[in-house]
Each structure stands twice: as C-alpha cells, then as structure tokens.
Amino acid sequence: MNKILGFISFVLIVQGVGGVVHHFSGWFDGWGLIARVGFLEGYEIFAACALVVLGVAVGAASDTVGGKAGQGR
C-alpha cells in the first residue's frame, strides 16, 4: 500500500508541476492532465497547484500508513 500511495503521490506532483510550467512557459503543450480537461479553462494554474498540494498530502499519508503497518507486527 505504501508503494502504491508513493507512486500516486509522484504522479500527482509531476502533473501539477507540469501544469504550472506549461501555464507560465508554454512547454509541455498537451502533455499534462490539466491541459486536456475542458472545464478547467481559465483555472489551470489553480488546478495544477491543487495537484501539487494533493500529491504532497498523499505522500505524507503514505509515510503514515507505512509507519503504522510496521508497528502492528
């Protein structure tokens, strides 16, 4: 479970950073998830920042889940 949450955290952070870089520089055109979602038109930077924050939160949760699983044995 710890590895799955770590991978999800990594993907969320990469998608968020890619969205921020695309918004400010124009690189990664069509590469990220944020650029492909139509209803986020005009709110791309907020959604990208939310993905980064969510990725950090999931990463912190994966560390917590990994720590509790080892203590029970």
Protein backbone atom coordinates (compact mmCIF):
# COMPACT_ATOMS: atom_id res chain seq x y z
CA MET A 1 0.00 0.00 0.00
CA ASN A 2 2.88 2.34 0.81
CA LYS A 3 4.40 1.92 -2.67
CA ILE A 4 1.06 2.50 -4.41
CA LEU A 5 0.44 5.72 -2.48
CA GLY A 6 4.02 6.82 -3.16
CA PHE A 7 3.52 6.28 -6.88
CA ILE A 8 0.20 8.15 -6.86
CA SER A 9 1.90 10.99 -4.97
CA PHE A 10 4.68 11.13 -7.56
CA VAL A 11 2.21 11.23 -10.47
CA LEU A 12 0.13 13.99 -8.85
CA ILE A 13 3.20 16.14 -8.14
CA VAL A 14 4.60 15.66 -11.66
CA GLN A 15 1.24 16.53 -13.25
CA GLY A 16 0.91 19.61 -11.04
CA VAL A 17 4.43 20.86 -11.74
CA GLY A 18 3.93 20.16 -15.45
CA GLY A 19 0.74 22.21 -15.39
CA VAL A 20 2.46 25.14 -13.69
CA VAL A 21 5.40 25.02 -16.12
CA HIS A 22 3.01 24.84 -19.08
CA HIS A 23 0.99 27.79 -17.81
CA PHE A 24 3.97 30.09 -17.36
CA SER A 25 6.29 28.98 -20.17
CA GLY A 26 4.16 27.13 -22.72
CA TRP A 27 6.30 24.00 -22.57
CA PHE A 28 4.71 20.55 -22.28
CA ASP A 29 1.89 21.53 -24.65
CA GLY A 30 -0.79 18.86 -24.33
CA TRP A 31 1.45 16.76 -22.11
CA GLY A 32 -0.30 17.07 -18.80
CA LEU A 33 -3.70 16.20 -17.49
CA ILE A 34 -4.64 19.81 -16.75
CA ALA A 35 -4.34 20.91 -20.40
CA ARG A 36 -6.74 18.17 -21.54
CA VAL A 37 -9.61 18.81 -19.12
CA GLY A 38 -12.01 21.28 -20.73
CA PHE A 39 -13.95 22.51 -17.71
CA LEU A 40 -10.74 23.83 -16.11
CA GLU A 41 -10.42 26.50 -18.80
CA GLY A 42 -9.14 29.62 -17.06
CA TYR A 43 -8.37 27.78 -13.82
CA GLU A 44 -5.39 25.72 -14.93
CA ILE A 45 -2.91 27.27 -12.51
CA PHE A 46 -5.20 26.72 -9.52
CA ALA A 47 -5.84 23.11 -10.52
CA ALA A 48 -2.11 22.49 -11.03
CA CYS A 49 -1.29 23.92 -7.61
CA ALA A 50 -4.06 21.81 -6.10
CA LEU A 51 -2.50 18.70 -7.68
CA VAL A 52 0.88 19.53 -6.16
CA VAL A 53 -0.66 20.06 -2.72
CA LEU A 54 -2.69 16.86 -3.05
CA GLY A 55 0.41 14.95 -4.11
CA VAL A 56 2.32 16.17 -1.06
CA ALA A 57 -0.61 15.20 1.17
CA VAL A 58 -0.82 11.72 -0.34
CA GLY A 59 2.95 11.35 0.10
CA ALA A 60 2.65 12.29 3.76
CA ALA A 61 -0.22 9.84 4.15
CA SER A 62 1.84 7.07 2.56
CA ASP A 63 4.57 7.63 5.13
CA THR A 64 1.99 7.50 7.92
CA VAL A 65 0.38 4.32 6.56
CA GLY A 66 3.79 2.70 6.18
CA GLY A 67 4.76 3.59 9.74
CA LYS A 68 1.56 2.25 11.32
CA ALA A 69 1.68 -1.01 9.39
CA GLY A 70 5.13 -1.81 10.73
CA GLN A 71 4.19 -1.11 14.37
CA GLY A 72 1.31 -3.59 14.47
CA ARG A 73 3.53 -6.64 13.99
